[in-house]
Amino acid sequence: MRYKEFTWPHNPRTYTIEYQRSMAVNKVPFGRYHLQDLGPTRRVMRGEGEFVGEDAYAQFQKLASVFYREGPGLLVHPVWQCAKAYFVELSLRQEPRRDYVSYTFTFWETFEEENTGITMAGTGSASSSGQGSTNTGTGETWHTVERGESLWSIAQAYGISLTDLITRNPQIKNPNYIRVGEKVRIS
């Protein structure tokens, strides 16, 4: 199993996945009701495991340092499909020892389309490595706007200032509004 840059030395002992759907109940006159499907909510992925061996506590510390980093990351699991997820809980199950640490964890899947460097299957979203960019023969680099992106997130992904990005794109009349599929000049 892997999350962001942390790879477990061996997979956790147990794991579960929970799917939920939000529903609303609307009262109709004369004792009836109507159910309204509000759609699926987040998937919750939980598990427990141990680190064993001379470096057990050091492994847990590495996992804890990943927990403290903000933002979602790619969760790669041997059973579940890969998911962009937030690491929301990490708990010790007993007092840790240098050679043995028992822990539990929880991840929440996100459907945000923000530019995090992760390409979700079927969306073709761009990443900070420039997957959504096109280099023309004139030496210009262009980025195709994907769902959920803003000029600020594009500037961050390419390591340029927002002011420079706006200056390079006079065709964009309102920098707070860009459309999916629109071309943005990077350089």
Protein backbone atom coordinates (compact mmCIF):
# COMPACT_ATOMS: atom_id res chain seq x y z
CA MET A 1 0.00 0.00 0.00
CA ARG A 2 1.23 3.52 -0.76
CA TYR A 3 0.04 7.05 0.08
CA LYS A 4 1.83 10.10 -1.30
CA GLU A 5 5.54 9.20 -0.92
CA PHE A 6 5.09 6.66 1.91
CA THR A 7 5.08 2.95 1.02
CA TRP A 8 4.13 0.47 3.72
CA PRO A 9 6.81 -2.21 4.22
CA HIS A 10 3.93 -4.72 4.25
CA ASN A 11 0.20 -4.25 3.78
CA PRO A 12 -1.97 -3.53 6.84
CA ARG A 13 -3.56 -6.51 8.57
CA THR A 14 -7.20 -5.51 8.00
CA TYR A 15 -8.98 -2.88 5.99
CA THR A 16 -12.56 -1.93 5.25
CA ILE A 17 -14.25 0.37 2.80
CA GLU A 18 -17.56 2.10 3.42
CA TYR A 19 -19.80 3.51 0.69
CA GLN A 20 -22.57 5.90 1.65
CA ARG A 21 -25.40 7.62 -0.18
CA SER A 22 -27.13 10.77 1.10
CA MET A 23 -30.89 10.60 1.11
CA ALA A 24 -33.54 13.16 2.04
CA VAL A 25 -37.02 12.27 3.26
CA ASN A 26 -39.74 14.72 2.25
CA LYS A 27 -43.16 14.46 3.91
CA VAL A 28 -46.12 14.35 1.54
CA PRO A 29 -49.68 15.05 2.77
CA PHE A 30 -51.82 12.17 4.04
CA GLY A 31 -49.00 10.16 5.62
CA ARG A 32 -46.88 9.60 2.57
CA TYR A 33 -43.26 10.50 2.00
CA HIS A 34 -40.91 10.94 -0.90
CA LEU A 35 -37.25 9.85 -0.89
CA GLN A 36 -34.80 12.08 -2.70
CA ASP A 37 -31.42 10.67 -3.71
CA LEU A 38 -28.75 13.30 -3.03
CA GLY A 39 -26.00 11.11 -4.45
CA PRO A 40 -23.03 9.26 -3.07
CA THR A 41 -20.91 10.78 -0.32
CA ARG A 42 -17.25 10.16 0.38
CA ARG A 43 -15.84 6.65 0.52
CA VAL A 44 -14.29 5.94 3.91
CA MET A 45 -11.31 3.57 3.91
CA ARG A 46 -10.16 2.24 7.30
CA GLY A 47 -7.61 -0.29 8.40
CA GLU A 48 -5.23 -1.45 11.07
CA GLY A 49 -1.78 -2.86 11.01
CA GLU A 50 1.58 -3.21 12.72
CA PHE A 51 5.12 -2.23 12.10
CA VAL A 52 7.45 -4.93 13.41
CA GLY A 53 11.24 -5.04 13.63
CA GLU A 54 14.09 -2.83 14.76
CA ASP A 55 12.83 0.14 12.74
CA ALA A 56 9.12 -0.24 13.68
CA TYR A 57 8.84 3.07 15.52
CA ALA A 58 10.85 4.87 12.81
CA GLN A 59 8.38 3.55 10.19
CA PHE A 60 5.45 4.84 12.25
CA GLN A 61 7.14 8.24 12.55
CA LYS A 62 7.48 8.38 8.74
CA LEU A 63 3.79 7.54 8.37
CA ALA A 64 2.89 10.20 10.95
CA SER A 65 4.92 12.82 9.07
CA VAL A 66 2.85 12.06 5.93
CA PHE A 67 -0.33 12.42 8.02
CA TYR A 68 0.69 15.98 8.99
CA ARG A 69 1.10 17.11 5.37
CA GLU A 70 -1.95 18.99 4.13
CA GLY A 71 -3.96 18.21 1.05
CA PRO A 72 -5.06 15.03 -0.67
CA GLY A 73 -2.75 12.44 -2.15
CA LEU A 74 -2.93 9.32 -4.24
CA LEU A 75 -3.82 6.22 -2.21
CA VAL A 76 -2.70 3.01 -3.94
CA HIS A 77 -4.06 -0.12 -2.32
CA PRO A 78 -3.77 -3.79 -3.34
CA VAL A 79 -7.57 -4.29 -3.29
CA TRP A 80 -9.26 -0.90 -3.66
CA GLN A 81 -9.08 1.16 -6.82
CA CYS A 82 -6.60 4.02 -6.63
CA ALA A 83 -8.16 7.09 -5.10
CA LYS A 84 -7.35 10.71 -4.41
CA ALA A 85 -7.85 10.82 -0.65
CA TYR A 86 -7.27 12.77 2.53
CA PHE A 87 -5.45 11.07 5.41
CA VAL A 88 -7.90 11.94 8.22
CA GLU A 89 -6.97 9.71 11.15
CA LEU A 90 -3.93 7.90 12.49
CA SER A 91 -4.13 6.28 15.95
CA LEU A 92 -1.87 4.15 18.09
CA ARG A 93 -3.55 1.02 19.44
CA GLN A 94 -1.08 0.61 22.30
CA GLU A 95 1.98 2.32 23.71
CA PRO A 96 4.56 2.11 20.94
CA ARG A 97 7.80 0.23 21.37
CA ARG A 98 10.95 0.62 19.30
CA ASP A 99 10.37 -2.80 17.71
CA TYR A 100 6.53 -2.96 17.58
CA VAL A 101 3.84 -0.38 16.79
CA SER A 102 0.15 -1.21 16.32
CA TYR A 103 -1.95 1.49 14.61
CA THR A 104 -5.23 2.29 12.85
CA PHE A 105 -5.83 4.68 9.96
CA THR A 106 -8.68 6.32 8.05
CA PHE A 107 -8.73 7.87 4.58
CA TRP A 108 -11.59 9.81 2.98
CA GLU A 109 -11.82 9.80 -0.79
CA THR A 110 -12.29 13.19 -2.43
CA PHE A 111 -13.89 14.05 -5.75
CA GLU A 112 -12.40 17.54 -5.89
CA GLU A 113 -10.96 18.35 -9.27
CA GLU A 114 -8.23 20.61 -7.95
CA ASN A 115 -4.82 20.50 -9.57
CA THR A 116 -2.79 18.26 -7.26
CA GLY A 117 -0.59 16.49 -9.76
CA ILE A 118 -2.86 13.44 -9.84
CA THR A 119 -4.55 12.29 -13.01
CA MET A 120 -7.89 10.66 -12.22
CA ALA A 121 -8.87 7.85 -14.58
CA GLY A 122 -10.92 9.08 -17.49
CA THR A 123 -10.66 12.81 -16.74
CA GLY A 124 -7.39 13.60 -18.42
CA SER A 125 -6.67 16.28 -15.83
CA ALA A 126 -3.36 18.04 -15.96
CA SER A 127 -0.60 17.71 -13.44
CA SER A 128 2.18 19.90 -12.24
CA SER A 129 4.54 17.93 -14.46
CA GLY A 130 2.93 19.60 -17.46
CA GLN A 131 0.78 16.73 -18.80
CA GLY A 132 -1.87 19.26 -19.84
CA SER A 133 0.61 21.47 -21.63
CA THR A 134 1.36 21.74 -25.30
CA ASN A 135 4.64 23.04 -26.64
CA THR A 136 4.23 24.71 -30.01
CA GLY A 137 6.98 24.92 -32.57
CA THR A 138 7.38 28.63 -31.74
CA GLY A 139 8.73 27.90 -28.26
CA GLU A 140 5.45 28.78 -26.56
CA THR A 141 3.93 26.46 -23.97
CA TRP A 142 0.14 26.34 -23.60
CA HIS A 143 -1.99 24.66 -20.93
CA THR A 144 -5.51 23.34 -21.53
CA VAL A 145 -7.79 24.22 -18.60
CA GLU A 146 -9.30 21.22 -16.81
CA ARG A 147 -12.32 21.12 -14.52
CA GLY A 148 -11.65 22.70 -11.11
CA GLU A 149 -8.57 24.65 -12.15
CA SER A 150 -8.04 28.37 -11.65
CA LEU A 151 -5.36 30.67 -12.98
CA TRP A 152 -3.81 30.61 -9.51
CA SER A 153 -3.58 26.78 -9.46
CA ILE A 154 -2.14 26.74 -12.98
CA ALA A 155 0.47 29.35 -12.02
CA GLN A 156 1.40 27.28 -8.95
CA ALA A 157 1.68 24.09 -11.04
CA TYR A 158 4.10 25.69 -13.48
CA GLY A 159 6.05 27.68 -10.88
CA ILE A 160 5.24 31.13 -12.22
CA SER A 161 3.57 34.12 -10.60
CA LEU A 162 -0.13 34.77 -11.10
CA THR A 163 0.67 38.29 -12.35
CA ASP A 164 2.98 36.89 -15.06
CA LEU A 165 0.36 34.35 -16.12
CA ILE A 166 -2.33 37.04 -16.40
CA THR A 167 0.04 39.29 -18.38
CA ARG A 168 0.79 36.46 -20.86
CA ASN A 169 -2.92 35.89 -21.46
CA PRO A 170 -4.61 39.16 -22.52
CA GLN A 171 -7.37 37.10 -24.18
CA ILE A 172 -8.66 36.25 -20.69
CA LYS A 173 -10.89 39.21 -19.82
CA ASN A 174 -11.83 38.05 -16.32
CA PRO A 175 -8.97 36.24 -14.49
CA ASN A 176 -11.49 34.90 -11.95
CA TYR A 177 -13.37 33.00 -14.66
CA ILE A 178 -11.77 30.52 -17.05
CA ARG A 179 -13.56 27.78 -18.94
CA VAL A 180 -12.74 24.08 -19.26
CA GLY A 181 -10.89 23.52 -22.53
CA GLU A 182 -9.62 27.10 -22.75
CA LYS A 183 -5.95 27.49 -23.71
CA VAL A 184 -3.68 29.40 -21.30
CA ARG A 185 -0.23 30.54 -22.43
CA ILE A 186 2.44 29.49 -19.93
CA SER A 187 5.58 30.75 -21.70
